[in-house]
Amino acid sequence: MPRSNSSVPKHRKHRKLLKLAKGYRGARSRTFVNATDSVEKALQYSYRDRRTKKRDIRRLWIARINAMVRQYGLSYSKFIKALTDKQVGLNRKVLAELAVNDPSGFAEVVNLVK
């Protein structure tokens, strides 16, 4: 029986990985060994940063709410506590949107809580 080789699947695997490395500089986009390391690291970063992005966006919302609430003589933590006590069902995303785009609407929410 003749000896078989794995050239087709191997080339397919290499081509697939080099396609992912498209746009990288130098040998990272051309040689399989370098591309493997680069793509693997890039995928690790993208996995990690999908989670980090959620944290960063939430921090931005909190900063915006805090900046707006301070104008009314409250702190962020007291404002959020008052919202939960009054059972106002607005989340941080909506509150931040109000603070930036509709200051008068945000003022109504603050007055409701005070």
N, C-alpha and C. Protein backbone atom coordinates (compact mmCIF):
# COMPACT_ATOMS: atom_id res chain seq x y z
N MET A 1 0.84 -1.19 0.00
CA MET A 1 0.00 0.00 0.00
C MET A 1 0.88 1.26 0.00
N PRO A 2 0.59 2.23 -0.84
CA PRO A 2 1.45 3.42 -0.90
C PRO A 2 1.32 4.28 0.36
N ARG A 3 2.41 4.99 0.61
CA ARG A 3 2.43 5.88 1.78
C ARG A 3 1.61 7.13 1.48
N SER A 4 0.76 7.51 2.44
CA SER A 4 -0.04 8.72 2.23
C SER A 4 0.62 9.89 2.94
N ASN A 5 0.35 11.07 2.45
CA ASN A 5 0.85 12.25 3.14
C ASN A 5 -0.32 13.19 3.43
N SER A 6 -0.05 14.18 4.23
CA SER A 6 -1.12 15.08 4.66
C SER A 6 -0.95 16.46 4.05
N SER A 7 -0.44 16.51 2.82
CA SER A 7 -0.10 17.81 2.24
C SER A 7 -1.32 18.70 2.03
N VAL A 8 -2.41 18.16 1.55
CA VAL A 8 -3.58 19.00 1.27
C VAL A 8 -4.16 19.59 2.56
N PRO A 9 -4.44 18.78 3.59
CA PRO A 9 -4.96 19.37 4.83
C PRO A 9 -3.96 20.33 5.47
N LYS A 10 -2.67 20.00 5.35
CA LYS A 10 -1.64 20.86 5.93
C LYS A 10 -1.61 22.22 5.25
N HIS A 11 -1.64 22.20 3.91
CA HIS A 11 -1.64 23.46 3.17
C HIS A 11 -2.90 24.27 3.46
N ARG A 12 -4.02 23.57 3.59
CA ARG A 12 -5.28 24.25 3.89
C ARG A 12 -5.21 24.94 5.26
N LYS A 13 -4.64 24.23 6.22
CA LYS A 13 -4.48 24.79 7.57
C LYS A 13 -3.56 26.01 7.55
N HIS A 14 -2.46 25.90 6.82
CA HIS A 14 -1.53 27.02 6.73
C HIS A 14 -2.18 28.22 6.05
N ARG A 15 -2.89 27.96 4.95
CA ARG A 15 -3.54 29.04 4.21
C ARG A 15 -4.57 29.75 5.09
N LYS A 16 -5.32 28.96 5.86
CA LYS A 16 -6.35 29.53 6.74
C LYS A 16 -5.72 30.44 7.79
N LEU A 17 -4.61 30.00 8.37
CA LEU A 17 -3.95 30.80 9.40
C LEU A 17 -3.29 32.03 8.81
N LEU A 18 -2.68 31.90 7.64
CA LEU A 18 -2.04 33.06 6.99
C LEU A 18 -3.08 34.09 6.57
N LYS A 19 -4.29 33.63 6.27
CA LYS A 19 -5.36 34.57 5.95
C LYS A 19 -5.71 35.41 7.18
N LEU A 20 -5.69 34.79 8.36
CA LEU A 20 -5.95 35.53 9.60
C LEU A 20 -4.85 36.54 9.89
N ALA A 21 -3.62 36.24 9.42
CA ALA A 21 -2.47 37.11 9.68
C ALA A 21 -2.32 38.20 8.62
N LYS A 22 -3.26 38.30 7.73
CA LYS A 22 -3.19 39.30 6.66
C LYS A 22 -3.16 40.70 7.28
N GLY A 23 -2.24 41.53 6.80
CA GLY A 23 -2.14 42.88 7.33
C GLY A 23 -1.06 43.05 8.37
N TYR A 24 -0.51 41.95 8.88
CA TYR A 24 0.58 42.04 9.83
C TYR A 24 1.85 42.42 9.09
N ARG A 25 2.81 42.98 9.81
CA ARG A 25 4.04 43.45 9.16
C ARG A 25 5.07 42.34 9.04
N GLY A 26 5.82 42.37 7.94
CA GLY A 26 6.97 41.50 7.76
C GLY A 26 6.63 40.02 7.72
N ALA A 27 7.49 39.23 8.37
CA ALA A 27 7.36 37.78 8.33
C ALA A 27 6.11 37.29 9.04
N ARG A 28 5.56 38.11 9.90
CA ARG A 28 4.36 37.71 10.64
C ARG A 28 3.20 37.39 9.71
N SER A 29 3.18 38.01 8.54
CA SER A 29 2.09 37.74 7.61
C SER A 29 2.46 36.71 6.55
N ARG A 30 3.74 36.31 6.52
CA ARG A 30 4.19 35.45 5.43
C ARG A 30 4.61 34.05 5.87
N THR A 31 5.26 33.94 7.02
CA THR A 31 5.74 32.62 7.45
C THR A 31 4.79 32.03 8.46
N PHE A 32 4.56 30.74 8.32
CA PHE A 32 3.56 30.06 9.15
C PHE A 32 3.90 30.12 10.62
N VAL A 33 5.16 29.89 10.98
CA VAL A 33 5.55 29.84 12.40
C VAL A 33 5.32 31.19 13.06
N ASN A 34 5.79 32.26 12.43
CA ASN A 34 5.61 33.60 13.00
C ASN A 34 4.13 33.99 13.01
N ALA A 35 3.43 33.65 11.95
CA ALA A 35 2.01 33.99 11.86
C ALA A 35 1.22 33.27 12.95
N THR A 36 1.59 32.03 13.25
CA THR A 36 0.89 31.26 14.28
C THR A 36 0.95 31.98 15.61
N ASP A 37 2.16 32.40 15.99
CA ASP A 37 2.32 33.11 17.27
C ASP A 37 1.53 34.41 17.28
N SER A 38 1.61 35.16 16.20
CA SER A 38 0.95 36.46 16.14
C SER A 38 -0.57 36.33 16.20
N VAL A 39 -1.11 35.39 15.44
CA VAL A 39 -2.55 35.20 15.40
C VAL A 39 -3.05 34.70 16.76
N GLU A 40 -2.32 33.78 17.36
CA GLU A 40 -2.71 33.25 18.67
C GLU A 40 -2.77 34.37 19.71
N LYS A 41 -1.75 35.22 19.72
CA LYS A 41 -1.71 36.33 20.66
C LYS A 41 -2.83 37.33 20.38
N ALA A 42 -3.08 37.60 19.10
CA ALA A 42 -4.14 38.53 18.72
C ALA A 42 -5.50 38.02 19.18
N LEU A 43 -5.72 36.71 19.05
CA LEU A 43 -6.99 36.13 19.49
C LEU A 43 -7.13 36.20 21.01
N GLN A 44 -6.02 36.03 21.73
CA GLN A 44 -6.06 36.17 23.19
C GLN A 44 -6.43 37.60 23.58
N TYR A 45 -5.81 38.56 22.90
CA TYR A 45 -6.11 39.97 23.18
C TYR A 45 -7.58 40.28 22.89
N SER A 46 -8.09 39.78 21.76
CA SER A 46 -9.47 40.10 21.40
C SER A 46 -10.45 39.49 22.39
N TYR A 47 -10.16 38.28 22.88
CA TYR A 47 -11.02 37.65 23.89
C TYR A 47 -11.01 38.46 25.17
N ARG A 48 -9.82 38.84 25.60
CA ARG A 48 -9.68 39.61 26.85
C ARG A 48 -10.37 40.98 26.72
N ASP A 49 -10.15 41.63 25.59
CA ASP A 49 -10.62 43.00 25.45
C ASP A 49 -12.11 43.10 25.17
N ARG A 50 -12.75 42.01 24.74
CA ARG A 50 -14.21 42.04 24.64
C ARG A 50 -14.81 42.20 26.03
N ARG A 51 -14.16 41.63 27.03
CA ARG A 51 -14.63 41.78 28.41
C ARG A 51 -14.23 43.13 28.99
N THR A 52 -13.02 43.58 28.67
CA THR A 52 -12.55 44.87 29.17
C THR A 52 -13.40 46.01 28.63
N LYS A 53 -13.86 45.88 27.39
CA LYS A 53 -14.67 46.93 26.77
C LYS A 53 -15.94 47.17 27.58
N LYS A 54 -16.56 46.10 28.06
CA LYS A 54 -17.77 46.22 28.87
C LYS A 54 -17.50 47.02 30.14
N ARG A 55 -16.36 46.74 30.77
CA ARG A 55 -15.98 47.48 31.99
C ARG A 55 -15.75 48.95 31.69
N ASP A 56 -15.04 49.22 30.60
CA ASP A 56 -14.71 50.60 30.25
C ASP A 56 -15.96 51.42 29.95
N ILE A 57 -16.90 50.82 29.23
CA ILE A 57 -18.14 51.53 28.90
C ILE A 57 -18.92 51.83 30.17
N ARG A 58 -18.99 50.87 31.07
CA ARG A 58 -19.71 51.09 32.33
C ARG A 58 -19.05 52.21 33.14
N ARG A 59 -17.71 52.25 33.16
CA ARG A 59 -16.99 53.33 33.86
C ARG A 59 -17.31 54.68 33.24
N LEU A 60 -17.42 54.73 31.92
CA LEU A 60 -17.77 55.98 31.24
C LEU A 60 -19.17 56.44 31.64
N TRP A 61 -20.13 55.50 31.68
CA TRP A 61 -21.49 55.86 32.10
C TRP A 61 -21.48 56.44 33.51
N ILE A 62 -20.76 55.78 34.40
CA ILE A 62 -20.72 56.22 35.80
C ILE A 62 -20.09 57.60 35.91
N ALA A 63 -19.02 57.84 35.16
CA ALA A 63 -18.37 59.15 35.19
C ALA A 63 -19.31 60.24 34.70
N ARG A 64 -20.06 59.97 33.64
CA ARG A 64 -20.99 60.95 33.10
C ARG A 64 -22.12 61.25 34.09
N ILE A 65 -22.65 60.19 34.69
CA ILE A 65 -23.74 60.39 35.67
C ILE A 65 -23.22 61.18 36.85
N ASN A 66 -22.05 60.82 37.34
CA ASN A 66 -21.46 61.48 38.50
C ASN A 66 -21.24 62.97 38.23
N ALA A 67 -20.70 63.29 37.04
CA ALA A 67 -20.44 64.68 36.70
C ALA A 67 -21.74 65.49 36.68
N MET A 68 -22.80 64.90 36.17
CA MET A 68 -24.07 65.61 36.09
C MET A 68 -24.74 65.73 37.46
N VAL A 69 -24.67 64.68 38.24
CA VAL A 69 -25.33 64.66 39.56
C VAL A 69 -24.67 65.65 40.51
N ARG A 70 -23.38 65.83 40.39
CA ARG A 70 -22.65 66.76 41.27
C ARG A 70 -23.16 68.20 41.11
N GLN A 71 -23.67 68.53 39.93
CA GLN A 71 -24.22 69.87 39.71
C GLN A 71 -25.46 70.11 40.56
N TYR A 72 -26.09 69.02 40.98
CA TYR A 72 -27.30 69.13 41.81
C TYR A 72 -27.02 68.85 43.28
N GLY A 73 -25.74 68.82 43.66
CA GLY A 73 -25.36 68.67 45.05
C GLY A 73 -25.46 67.26 45.60
N LEU A 74 -25.40 66.28 44.73
CA LEU A 74 -25.43 64.87 45.16
C LEU A 74 -24.15 64.18 44.73
N SER A 75 -23.85 63.07 45.36
CA SER A 75 -22.75 62.23 44.87
C SER A 75 -23.37 61.08 44.09
N TYR A 76 -22.56 60.42 43.32
CA TYR A 76 -23.05 59.32 42.48
C TYR A 76 -23.66 58.22 43.35
N SER A 77 -22.95 57.83 44.41
CA SER A 77 -23.41 56.71 45.22
C SER A 77 -24.74 57.03 45.91
N LYS A 78 -24.89 58.27 46.41
CA LYS A 78 -26.15 58.66 47.05
C LYS A 78 -27.29 58.71 46.03
N PHE A 79 -26.96 59.14 44.82
CA PHE A 79 -27.96 59.20 43.75
C PHE A 79 -28.46 57.80 43.40
N ILE A 80 -27.55 56.87 43.22
CA ILE A 80 -27.92 55.49 42.86
C ILE A 80 -28.72 54.85 44.00
N LYS A 81 -28.30 55.10 45.23
CA LYS A 81 -29.04 54.57 46.40
C LYS A 81 -30.46 55.12 46.42
N ALA A 82 -30.60 56.44 46.18
CA ALA A 82 -31.92 57.05 46.16
C ALA A 82 -32.78 56.48 45.03
N LEU A 83 -32.16 56.20 43.87
CA LEU A 83 -32.90 55.60 42.76
C LEU A 83 -33.45 54.22 43.13
N THR A 84 -32.63 53.43 43.79
CA THR A 84 -33.10 52.09 44.17
C THR A 84 -34.17 52.17 45.25
N ASP A 85 -34.02 53.14 46.18
CA ASP A 85 -35.03 53.31 47.23
C ASP A 85 -36.38 53.72 46.63
N LYS A 86 -36.36 54.61 45.64
CA LYS A 86 -37.59 55.08 44.99
C LYS A 86 -38.08 54.10 43.92
N GLN A 87 -37.31 53.04 43.69
CA GLN A 87 -37.63 52.00 42.70
C GLN A 87 -37.80 52.59 41.29
N VAL A 88 -36.87 53.47 40.93
CA VAL A 88 -36.82 53.99 39.56
C VAL A 88 -36.06 52.98 38.70
N GLY A 89 -36.68 52.56 37.63
CA GLY A 89 -36.11 51.46 36.83
C GLY A 89 -35.22 51.91 35.70
N LEU A 90 -34.41 52.93 35.90
CA LEU A 90 -33.49 53.38 34.85
C LEU A 90 -32.10 52.83 35.12
N ASN A 91 -31.49 52.24 34.10
CA ASN A 91 -30.14 51.73 34.29
C ASN A 91 -29.10 52.80 33.99
N ARG A 92 -27.84 52.48 34.20
CA ARG A 92 -26.76 53.46 34.04
C ARG A 92 -26.63 53.93 32.59
N LYS A 93 -26.86 53.03 31.66
CA LYS A 93 -26.75 53.39 30.25
C LYS A 93 -27.76 54.49 29.90
N VAL A 94 -28.99 54.30 30.32
CA VAL A 94 -30.05 55.27 30.03
C VAL A 94 -29.78 56.58 30.76
N LEU A 95 -29.36 56.49 32.02
CA LEU A 95 -29.07 57.70 32.79
C LEU A 95 -27.94 58.51 32.15
N ALA A 96 -26.90 57.82 31.70
CA ALA A 96 -25.78 58.52 31.04
C ALA A 96 -26.24 59.17 29.74
N GLU A 97 -27.10 58.48 29.01
CA GLU A 97 -27.65 59.04 27.77
C GLU A 97 -28.46 60.30 28.06
N LEU A 98 -29.26 60.25 29.11
CA LEU A 98 -30.04 61.42 29.52
C LEU A 98 -29.11 62.56 29.92
N ALA A 99 -28.08 62.23 30.68
CA ALA A 99 -27.16 63.26 31.17
C ALA A 99 -26.49 64.00 30.02
N VAL A 100 -26.15 63.29 28.96
CA VAL A 100 -25.45 63.90 27.84
C VAL A 100 -26.41 64.61 26.89
N ASN A 101 -27.49 63.94 26.52
CA ASN A 101 -28.35 64.45 25.44
C ASN A 101 -29.60 65.19 25.90
N ASP A 102 -30.03 64.97 27.16
CA ASP A 102 -31.26 65.60 27.63
C ASP A 102 -31.10 66.05 29.08
N PRO A 103 -30.34 67.12 29.31
CA PRO A 103 -30.10 67.57 30.69
C PRO A 103 -31.37 67.92 31.45
N SER A 104 -32.38 68.44 30.76
CA SER A 104 -33.61 68.77 31.47
C SER A 104 -34.34 67.51 31.94
N GLY A 105 -34.33 66.48 31.13
CA GLY A 105 -34.91 65.20 31.54
C GLY A 105 -34.16 64.59 32.71
N PHE A 106 -32.84 64.74 32.67
CA PHE A 106 -32.02 64.23 33.77
C PHE A 106 -32.32 65.01 35.06
N ALA A 107 -32.54 66.32 34.91
CA ALA A 107 -32.88 67.15 36.08
C ALA A 107 -34.19 66.69 36.71
N GLU A 108 -35.15 66.29 35.88
CA GLU A 108 -36.43 65.76 36.40
C GLU A 108 -36.20 64.51 37.22
N VAL A 109 -35.33 63.63 36.71
CA VAL A 109 -35.02 62.39 37.45
C VAL A 109 -34.37 62.73 38.79
N VAL A 110 -33.45 63.67 38.78
CA VAL A 110 -32.77 64.07 40.03
C VAL A 110 -33.78 64.66 41.01
N ASN A 111 -34.68 65.51 40.53
CA ASN A 111 -35.69 66.11 41.40
C ASN A 111 -36.66 65.07 41.93
N LEU A 112 -36.96 64.07 41.13
CA LEU A 112 -37.81 62.96 41.59
C LEU A 112 -37.17 62.22 42.74
N VAL A 113 -35.87 62.08 42.68
CA VAL A 113 -35.12 61.31 43.68
C VAL A 113 -34.89 62.12 44.96
N LYS A 114 -34.69 63.43 44.80
CA LYS A 114 -34.36 64.27 45.97
C LYS A 114 -35.47 64.29 46.98
